[in-house]
Amino acid sequence: MIRDIFLMSLDALRSHKVRTLLTLLGIIIGISSVIIVTTAGNSVSYFVQEQWNIFDPTGILIGVGTASDPPRITFTQSVFTDNDVKKIQALPNIKNVAPVGIIPIRKVSIREGLLKWKSAPGGTMYASTPAMLDILKLEIKEGKIFQEGKNEIVITETTAEMFGKDNPLKIGDFVYIQRIDSKTLKAKIVGIIKESSEGNILTQLTTPSILGPTDPYYSTFIGSNVGSILHRITAYIVLYATATDKANVDKAKLEILNYLNSGGSDASKYKKEKYDFVIVTQQYIIERIDSVMGVINMLVTTIALISLAVGAIGIANIMFATVTERTREIGTMMAIGAKRRFILQMFLYQSTIIGLIGAILGCILGASGSAFVVQVLNTYLRDIGGTAFTGTINLSLSIEWFGIAVFFGVLAGIAAGVLPARKASKMDPVVALRYS
């Protein structure tokens, strides 16, 4: 019986090919719109998250500024001392802490002979501790990490080629770093930092071209009268830290704030009263991005679902027309013994088949359309020169959305066919036979 009803429904659809195709288009467009919107949204969302993937997932940036939402860090005041670094490192949920001393470089020079020098524009040098490599997820490709108190540095692969690819800097070479204040320091290259081919613009901006120890390269001092003895101490604008694991990031953040706001921290003594201690975590950045992208996805998905609803209305409209056209046929079937349930199922199957086929074709079109949209977005990035700095948006197909799309397509077909099918099944056979 079910097989017969199914075959009769297919015959009815085949007998009105143009009408069936136009009805299918409504569902196909609605389903494909949902797939394209959600896939493109997810792809862009993952891409944006990757751009803000600055350091370790457990990473914490510590500074001073305004503790608002979003927080604002000022880079005009050095308040954190080596003592603060040690105290924060000792907190229960802290894995690593690294001070950040940013040193603008005027130029880097090498000696090519007794009186012959070769120079190249400098980049940004970070003075810190070996823990900085773990926090920024940097790896030593060749050589070793520098040692505190020694004139040693590690450089990136790009920096190693600053004097030309045919004459790269190597482990053991000596360079002369001239700071903005014209002070020149000799440094031995002891390591080459591996650069990721998938690095984003922010990691490139935060990845130092040269990394060395605070002693002897960093010399930003503030006056101190701690212990009633006037002397100068080294101070830093910001600190980088990592929690023991992702689950303890919030605990680590609270521990840091409690310490910094206590009377036992040097930073609390040197910080201006108008500023707050500000802590920004990697998780906070990702959550903010997820929140924004979630709203955008919800809006565009709603628009796509409206398209699907329009397609369902199209099915309902065509089914009502079909019932009217087949009134005499319905009367004949009832007169020869067809039950009302059979009539109901025949028209309901017909609308469901339209919904199912439309959903499947919509998924196929949606997947192809998603790939096209992502390709267009990447082309746009290349046109503005963005891909050179930010990488590529990767297509992220969500399998669950294909299942949801098919479900809603079938559901739309069923919902659209219920009323026309009920109308057909409740016809009076005598009245239906007299219909012309």
Protein backbone atom coordinates (compact mmCIF):
# COMPACT_ATOMS: atom_id res chain seq x y z
CA MET A 1 0.00 0.00 0.00
CA ILE A 2 2.70 2.49 0.98
CA ARG A 3 4.68 1.61 -2.14
CA ASP A 4 1.62 2.23 -4.31
CA ILE A 5 0.97 5.59 -2.66
CA PHE A 6 4.62 6.56 -3.12
CA LEU A 7 4.61 5.64 -6.83
CA MET A 8 1.37 7.52 -7.43
CA SER A 9 2.87 10.59 -5.76
CA LEU A 10 5.92 10.40 -8.03
CA ASP A 11 3.69 10.03 -11.10
CA ALA A 12 1.76 13.12 -10.07
CA LEU A 13 5.00 15.09 -9.75
CA ARG A 14 6.32 13.85 -13.11
CA SER A 15 3.09 14.79 -14.85
CA HIS A 16 3.63 18.44 -13.91
CA LYS A 17 7.39 18.78 -14.39
CA VAL A 18 7.55 22.56 -14.74
CA ARG A 19 5.32 23.15 -11.75
CA THR A 20 7.29 20.65 -9.65
CA LEU A 21 10.59 22.22 -10.65
CA LEU A 22 9.42 25.72 -9.76
CA THR A 23 8.17 24.45 -6.40
CA LEU A 24 11.46 22.68 -5.79
CA LEU A 25 13.34 25.92 -6.46
CA GLY A 26 11.76 27.55 -3.43
CA ILE A 27 13.02 24.79 -1.12
CA ILE A 28 16.40 24.55 -2.89
CA ILE A 29 17.03 28.28 -2.53
CA GLY A 30 15.98 28.28 1.12
CA ILE A 31 18.11 25.25 2.07
CA SER A 32 21.15 26.37 0.07
CA SER A 33 20.90 29.81 1.67
CA VAL A 34 20.98 28.25 5.14
CA ILE A 35 24.02 26.11 4.23
CA ILE A 36 25.91 28.98 2.57
CA VAL A 37 25.24 31.41 5.40
CA THR A 38 26.15 29.02 8.21
CA THR A 39 29.21 27.61 6.44
CA ALA A 40 30.55 31.02 5.44
CA GLY A 41 29.82 32.30 8.95
CA ASN A 42 31.68 29.40 10.59
CA SER A 43 34.60 29.73 8.19
CA VAL A 44 34.97 33.44 8.85
CA SER A 45 34.48 32.90 12.59
CA TYR A 46 37.31 30.36 12.77
CA PHE A 47 39.47 32.64 10.64
CA VAL A 48 38.88 35.64 12.91
CA GLN A 49 39.58 33.53 16.01
CA GLU A 50 42.87 32.43 14.49
CA GLN A 51 43.81 36.06 13.89
CA TRP A 52 43.40 36.71 17.61
CA ASN A 53 45.22 33.54 18.58
CA ILE A 54 48.10 35.69 19.82
CA PHE A 55 49.65 33.42 22.37
CA ASP A 56 49.06 30.24 24.34
CA PRO A 57 45.34 29.38 24.95
CA THR A 58 46.06 29.81 28.64
CA GLY A 59 47.77 33.14 27.95
CA ILE A 60 47.31 36.22 30.11
CA LEU A 61 48.38 39.78 29.33
CA ILE A 62 48.97 41.94 32.42
CA GLY A 63 49.10 45.73 32.25
CA VAL A 64 47.65 48.94 33.62
CA GLY A 65 44.84 51.02 32.17
CA THR A 66 41.05 51.01 32.47
CA ALA A 67 39.36 47.87 33.75
CA SER A 68 36.26 48.31 31.58
CA ASP A 69 34.52 45.98 29.17
CA PRO A 70 36.38 45.74 26.91
CA PRO A 71 39.46 46.47 29.02
CA ARG A 72 41.95 49.09 27.87
CA ILE A 73 45.69 48.85 28.47
CA THR A 74 47.93 51.90 28.39
CA PHE A 75 51.52 51.52 27.23
CA THR A 76 52.80 54.73 28.77
CA GLN A 77 53.75 53.60 32.27
CA SER A 78 56.31 51.05 33.46
CA VAL A 79 55.26 49.67 36.84
CA PHE A 80 56.07 45.94 37.00
CA THR A 81 59.37 44.90 38.55
CA ASP A 82 61.41 41.71 38.65
CA ASN A 83 60.10 41.22 42.16
CA ASP A 84 56.53 41.27 40.82
CA VAL A 85 57.51 38.70 38.19
CA LYS A 86 58.87 36.37 40.90
CA LYS A 87 55.81 36.82 43.14
CA ILE A 88 53.35 36.17 40.30
CA GLN A 89 55.36 33.13 39.19
CA ALA A 90 54.90 31.69 42.68
CA LEU A 91 51.07 31.87 42.54
CA PRO A 92 49.36 28.43 42.58
CA ASN A 93 47.69 28.57 39.16
CA ILE A 94 50.48 30.29 37.22
CA LYS A 95 52.71 28.25 34.93
CA ASN A 96 54.96 30.92 33.41
CA VAL A 97 55.52 34.66 33.69
CA ALA A 98 57.68 36.73 31.38
CA PRO A 99 58.42 40.46 31.51
CA VAL A 100 58.22 42.35 28.25
CA GLY A 101 60.82 44.97 27.46
CA ILE A 102 60.25 46.40 23.98
CA ILE A 103 63.40 47.85 22.42
CA PRO A 104 63.07 49.77 19.15
CA ILE A 105 66.16 49.19 17.01
CA ARG A 106 67.62 51.75 14.65
CA LYS A 107 69.84 49.34 12.77
CA VAL A 108 71.70 46.05 12.95
CA SER A 109 75.28 45.87 11.68
CA ILE A 110 77.80 43.15 10.93
CA ARG A 111 81.53 43.44 10.38
CA GLU A 112 82.71 42.35 6.94
CA GLY A 113 86.33 43.31 7.42
CA LEU A 114 88.66 45.26 9.62
CA LEU A 115 87.07 48.59 8.72
CA LYS A 116 84.14 47.47 6.60
CA TRP A 117 80.61 47.27 7.97
CA LYS A 118 77.25 46.28 6.58
CA SER A 119 74.02 47.54 8.11
CA ALA A 120 70.29 46.83 7.76
CA PRO A 121 67.22 48.49 9.30
CA GLY A 122 66.35 46.95 12.64
CA GLY A 123 63.02 45.53 13.73
CA THR A 124 61.60 45.13 17.20
CA MET A 125 63.62 43.48 19.92
CA TYR A 126 62.02 41.95 22.99
CA ALA A 127 64.02 41.75 26.18
CA SER A 128 62.58 39.01 28.31
CA THR A 129 63.21 35.55 29.74
CA PRO A 130 63.21 32.12 28.07
CA ALA A 131 59.62 31.68 29.30
CA MET A 132 58.57 34.13 26.58
CA LEU A 133 59.04 31.48 23.91
CA ASP A 134 56.56 29.14 25.58
CA ILE A 135 54.01 31.90 26.10
CA LEU A 136 54.18 33.11 22.49
CA LYS A 137 54.31 29.50 21.23
CA LEU A 138 57.70 30.01 19.58
CA GLU A 139 60.15 27.20 18.88
CA ILE A 140 63.91 27.20 18.47
CA LYS A 141 64.58 25.68 15.06
CA GLU A 142 68.33 25.73 15.40
CA GLY A 143 70.71 26.44 18.30
CA LYS A 144 69.58 27.21 21.86
CA ILE A 145 67.89 29.85 23.96
CA PHE A 146 69.84 32.81 25.33
CA GLN A 147 71.12 33.04 28.92
CA GLU A 148 70.43 35.92 31.28
CA GLY A 149 73.37 38.26 31.78
CA LYS A 150 75.08 37.27 28.54
CA ASN A 151 75.25 39.15 25.23
CA GLU A 152 73.21 36.49 23.47
CA ILE A 153 70.13 36.72 21.26
CA VAL A 154 67.82 34.52 19.22
CA ILE A 155 66.38 35.75 15.92
CA THR A 156 63.61 34.71 13.54
CA GLU A 157 64.24 33.00 10.21
CA THR A 158 63.22 36.20 8.41
CA THR A 159 65.65 38.28 10.45
CA ALA A 160 68.42 35.81 9.65
CA GLU A 161 67.99 36.83 5.99
CA MET A 162 68.06 40.58 6.64
CA PHE A 163 71.38 40.88 4.78
CA GLY A 164 70.18 38.70 1.92
CA LYS A 165 69.16 35.09 1.40
CA ASP A 166 72.58 34.35 -0.08
CA ASN A 167 74.29 35.64 3.07
CA PRO A 168 72.12 34.59 6.04
CA LEU A 169 73.08 35.12 9.63
CA LYS A 170 74.13 31.88 11.34
CA ILE A 171 74.52 30.49 14.81
CA GLY A 172 77.69 31.94 16.33
CA ASP A 173 77.68 35.15 14.27
CA PHE A 174 78.08 38.45 16.07
CA VAL A 175 75.88 41.45 15.27
CA TYR A 176 75.88 45.00 16.60
CA ILE A 177 72.47 46.33 17.66
CA GLN A 178 72.02 50.10 17.71
CA ARG A 179 69.07 51.25 19.79
CA ILE A 180 67.05 54.41 19.18
CA ASP A 181 69.13 56.17 21.86
CA SER A 182 72.21 55.41 19.67
CA LYS A 183 73.68 52.98 22.20
CA THR A 184 75.22 50.01 20.42
CA LEU A 185 75.41 46.54 21.95
CA LYS A 186 77.29 43.53 20.67
CA ALA A 187 75.29 40.31 20.52
CA LYS A 188 76.03 36.72 19.65
CA ILE A 189 73.35 34.76 17.78
CA VAL A 190 72.73 31.52 19.66
CA GLY A 191 69.38 30.44 18.23
CA ILE A 192 67.03 30.72 15.23
CA ILE A 193 63.30 30.97 15.93
CA LYS A 194 61.05 28.84 13.74
CA GLU A 195 58.35 30.83 11.96
CA SER A 196 54.94 29.30 11.28
CA SER A 197 53.74 29.31 7.68
CA GLU A 198 50.21 29.85 9.00
CA GLY A 199 51.04 32.78 11.22
CA ASN A 200 48.45 35.56 11.39
CA ILE A 201 48.96 39.30 11.34
CA LEU A 202 48.82 39.60 15.13
CA THR A 203 51.32 36.83 15.77
CA GLN A 204 53.65 38.47 13.28
CA LEU A 205 53.26 41.78 15.05
CA THR A 206 53.79 40.25 18.48
CA THR A 207 56.59 37.92 17.41
CA PRO A 208 59.86 39.74 18.03
CA SER A 209 62.41 39.78 15.23
CA ILE A 210 65.10 39.65 17.92
CA LEU A 211 64.74 38.26 21.43
CA GLY A 212 67.35 38.61 24.16
CA PRO A 213 67.74 38.75 27.95
CA THR A 214 66.76 41.84 29.94
CA ASP A 215 70.33 41.99 31.22
CA PRO A 216 72.19 43.60 29.44
CA TYR A 217 69.77 44.79 26.72
CA TYR A 218 66.89 46.38 28.61
CA SER A 219 67.51 49.55 30.62
CA THR A 220 64.22 51.26 31.44
CA PHE A 221 64.43 52.35 35.05
CA ILE A 222 62.18 54.02 37.59
CA GLY A 223 63.23 55.57 40.87
CA SER A 224 62.48 53.63 44.02
CA ASN A 225 62.55 54.43 47.70
CA VAL A 226 61.48 51.00 48.81
CA GLY A 227 63.11 50.29 52.16
CA SER A 228 64.04 53.97 52.52
CA ILE A 229 66.93 53.47 50.10
CA LEU A 230 66.85 55.49 46.91
CA HIS A 231 67.93 53.42 43.93
CA ARG A 232 66.88 52.64 40.39
CA ILE A 233 65.06 49.45 39.46
CA THR A 234 64.14 47.91 36.12
CA ALA A 235 60.45 48.16 35.32
CA TYR A 236 58.24 46.82 32.55
CA ILE A 237 55.09 48.09 30.88
CA VAL A 238 53.39 44.70 30.54
CA LEU A 239 53.87 41.09 31.58
CA TYR A 240 52.92 37.93 29.74
CA ALA A 241 51.80 34.89 31.74
CA THR A 242 50.18 31.50 31.29
CA ALA A 243 47.90 29.55 33.62
CA THR A 244 48.55 25.93 34.53
CA ASP A 245 45.72 24.92 32.19
CA LYS A 246 42.65 26.38 30.45
CA ALA A 247 40.33 25.44 33.31
CA ASN A 248 42.35 27.56 35.74
CA VAL A 249 42.65 30.75 33.68
CA ASP A 250 39.99 32.59 35.67
CA LYS A 251 41.55 31.47 38.96
CA ALA A 252 44.97 32.61 37.78
CA LYS A 253 43.51 35.97 36.74
CA LEU A 254 41.94 36.46 40.19
CA GLU A 255 45.17 35.48 41.95
CA ILE A 256 47.17 38.01 39.91
CA LEU A 257 44.69 40.80 40.62
CA ASN A 258 44.66 40.02 44.32
CA TYR A 259 48.44 40.17 44.46
CA LEU A 260 48.79 43.34 42.38
CA ASN A 261 46.15 45.20 44.40
CA SER A 262 47.74 44.18 47.68
CA GLY A 263 50.32 46.27 49.44
CA GLY A 264 52.95 43.63 48.72
CA SER A 265 53.33 44.38 45.00
CA ASP A 266 55.78 46.96 43.68
CA ALA A 267 53.38 47.76 40.82
CA SER A 268 50.73 49.00 43.26
CA LYS A 269 53.22 51.59 44.55
CA TYR A 270 54.30 52.85 41.12
CA LYS A 271 50.94 52.79 39.35
CA LYS A 272 49.15 56.11 38.92
CA GLU A 273 45.90 56.31 40.87
CA LYS A 274 43.82 56.96 37.77
CA TYR A 275 44.82 53.60 36.32
CA ASP A 276 43.61 50.10 37.18
CA PHE A 277 45.36 46.80 36.82
CA VAL A 278 44.08 45.23 33.62
CA ILE A 279 44.26 41.57 32.68
CA VAL A 280 43.31 40.32 29.24
CA THR A 281 43.12 36.58 28.63
CA GLN A 282 43.13 34.67 25.40
CA GLN A 283 39.82 33.12 26.42
CA TYR A 284 38.27 36.55 26.89
CA ILE A 285 39.29 37.59 23.37
CA ILE A 286 37.87 34.40 21.83
CA GLU A 287 34.64 34.71 23.83
CA ARG A 288 34.16 38.27 22.61
CA ILE A 289 34.69 37.17 19.02
CA ASP A 290 32.31 34.21 19.46
CA SER A 291 29.68 36.54 20.88
CA VAL A 292 29.88 38.97 17.96
CA MET A 293 30.02 36.22 15.33
CA GLY A 294 27.13 34.43 17.05
CA VAL A 295 24.88 37.46 16.69
CA ILE A 296 25.87 37.90 13.04
CA ASN A 297 25.28 34.20 12.30
CA MET A 298 21.91 34.32 14.03
CA LEU A 299 20.77 37.29 11.93
CA VAL A 300 21.84 35.87 8.59
CA THR A 301 20.50 32.40 9.49
CA THR A 302 17.14 33.98 10.31
CA ILE A 303 17.10 35.56 6.86
CA ALA A 304 17.92 32.19 5.29
CA LEU A 305 15.15 30.48 7.29
CA ILE A 306 12.72 33.09 5.99
CA SER A 307 13.72 31.98 2.48
CA LEU A 308 12.94 28.40 3.53
CA ALA A 309 9.54 29.49 4.86
CA VAL A 310 8.80 31.16 1.52
CA GLY A 311 9.65 27.85 -0.16
CA ALA A 312 7.22 26.02 2.16
CA ILE A 313 4.48 28.49 1.26
CA GLY A 314 5.20 27.73 -2.38
CA ILE A 315 4.69 24.00 -1.70
CA ALA A 316 1.40 24.69 0.10
CA ASN A 317 0.21 26.86 -2.77
CA ILE A 318 0.99 24.28 -5.43
CA MET A 319 -0.55 21.48 -3.36
CA PHE A 320 -3.81 23.39 -2.98
CA ALA A 321 -3.83 23.92 -6.75
CA THR A 322 -3.15 20.21 -7.32
CA VAL A 323 -6.02 19.19 -5.02
CA THR A 324 -8.37 21.48 -6.93
CA GLU A 325 -7.23 20.12 -10.31
CA ARG A 326 -7.62 16.51 -9.19
CA THR A 327 -11.04 16.91 -7.53
CA ARG A 328 -12.83 14.60 -10.00
CA GLU A 329 -9.97 12.06 -9.72
CA ILE A 330 -10.28 12.13 -5.93
CA GLY A 331 -14.05 11.59 -6.21
CA THR A 332 -13.52 8.64 -8.56
CA MET A 333 -10.99 6.99 -6.20
CA MET A 334 -13.35 7.41 -3.26
CA ALA A 335 -16.27 6.03 -5.29
CA ILE A 336 -14.37 2.83 -6.06
CA GLY A 337 -13.39 2.30 -2.44
CA ALA A 338 -10.31 4.43 -1.68
CA LYS A 339 -10.23 5.34 1.99
CA ARG A 340 -9.80 8.91 3.17
CA ARG A 341 -6.50 7.89 4.80
CA PHE A 342 -5.21 6.80 1.38
CA ILE A 343 -6.10 10.17 -0.14
CA LEU A 344 -4.49 12.00 2.80
CA GLN A 345 -1.26 10.00 2.52
CA MET A 346 -1.05 10.43 -1.27
CA PHE A 347 -0.97 14.20 -1.12
CA LEU A 348 1.13 14.29 2.03
CA TYR A 349 3.73 12.01 0.41
CA GLN A 350 3.77 14.25 -2.63
CA SER A 351 4.61 17.38 -0.59
CA THR A 352 7.13 15.45 1.53
CA ILE A 353 8.95 14.19 -1.58
CA ILE A 354 9.21 17.77 -2.84
CA GLY A 355 10.64 18.85 0.53
CA LEU A 356 13.14 15.95 0.65
CA ILE A 357 14.39 16.32 -2.93
CA GLY A 358 14.59 20.09 -2.53
CA ALA A 359 16.55 19.72 0.70
CA ILE A 360 19.08 17.30 -0.82
CA LEU A 361 19.60 19.45 -3.91
CA GLY A 362 19.77 22.51 -1.67
CA CYS A 363 22.55 20.91 0.39
CA ILE A 364 24.54 20.14 -2.75
CA LEU A 365 24.05 23.66 -4.07
CA GLY A 366 24.80 25.08 -0.61
CA ALA A 367 28.10 23.20 -0.35
CA SER A 368 29.17 24.40 -3.80
CA GLY A 369 27.99 27.92 -3.05
CA SER A 370 29.87 27.94 0.26
CA ALA A 371 33.12 27.00 -1.48
CA PHE A 372 32.51 29.78 -4.01
CA VAL A 373 31.76 32.38 -1.31
CA VAL A 374 34.89 31.46 0.66
CA GLN A 375 36.94 31.64 -2.54
CA VAL A 376 35.54 35.11 -3.26
CA LEU A 377 36.39 36.22 0.29
CA ASN A 378 39.95 34.98 -0.11
CA THR A 379 40.23 36.72 -3.46
CA TYR A 380 39.07 39.94 -1.82
CA LEU A 381 41.73 39.54 0.87
CA ARG A 382 44.39 39.02 -1.77
CA ASP A 383 43.21 42.10 -3.68
CA ILE A 384 43.85 44.31 -0.65
CA GLY A 385 47.09 42.51 0.15
CA GLY A 386 45.66 40.97 3.29
CA THR A 387 46.50 37.36 2.62
CA ALA A 388 50.20 38.08 2.85
CA PHE A 389 49.68 38.99 6.48
CA THR A 390 46.56 37.14 7.64
CA GLY A 391 46.57 33.77 5.88
CA THR A 392 43.60 32.18 4.15
CA ILE A 393 39.99 31.57 5.15
CA ASN A 394 39.54 27.80 5.16
CA LEU A 395 36.22 26.24 4.18
CA SER A 396 34.56 24.86 7.32
CA LEU A 397 31.58 22.65 6.43
CA SER A 398 29.38 21.77 9.41
CA ILE A 399 27.94 18.30 8.81
CA GLU A 400 25.28 18.84 11.46
CA TRP A 401 23.87 21.75 9.47
CA PHE A 402 23.34 19.48 6.47
CA GLY A 403 21.30 17.16 8.67
CA ILE A 404 19.37 20.09 10.12
CA ALA A 405 18.74 21.49 6.63
CA VAL A 406 17.38 18.17 5.34
CA PHE A 407 15.19 17.83 8.44
CA PHE A 408 13.71 21.29 8.01
CA GLY A 409 13.25 20.74 4.28
CA VAL A 410 11.22 17.58 4.92
CA LEU A 411 9.41 19.28 7.79
CA ALA A 412 8.53 22.21 5.52
CA GLY A 413 7.17 19.76 2.94
CA ILE A 414 5.06 17.94 5.52
CA ALA A 415 3.77 21.15 7.11
CA ALA A 416 2.94 22.62 3.72
CA GLY A 417 1.10 19.48 2.61
CA VAL A 418 -1.03 18.85 5.71
CA LEU A 419 -3.86 21.30 4.96
CA PRO A 420 -4.16 20.47 1.24
CA ALA A 421 -4.07 16.74 2.06
CA ARG A 422 -6.76 17.14 4.73
CA LYS A 423 -8.87 19.13 2.26
CA ALA A 424 -8.59 16.33 -0.29
CA SER A 425 -9.37 13.56 2.21
CA LYS A 426 -12.50 15.28 3.53
CA MET A 427 -14.12 15.78 0.11
CA ASP A 428 -17.63 14.39 -0.46
CA PRO A 429 -17.28 11.81 -3.27
CA VAL A 430 -20.59 12.81 -4.87
CA VAL A 431 -19.67 16.51 -4.91
CA ALA A 432 -16.18 15.70 -6.19
CA LEU A 433 -17.55 13.63 -9.10
CA ARG A 434 -19.81 16.48 -10.20
CA TYR A 435 -16.86 18.96 -10.16
CA SER A 436 -15.94 20.30 -13.60
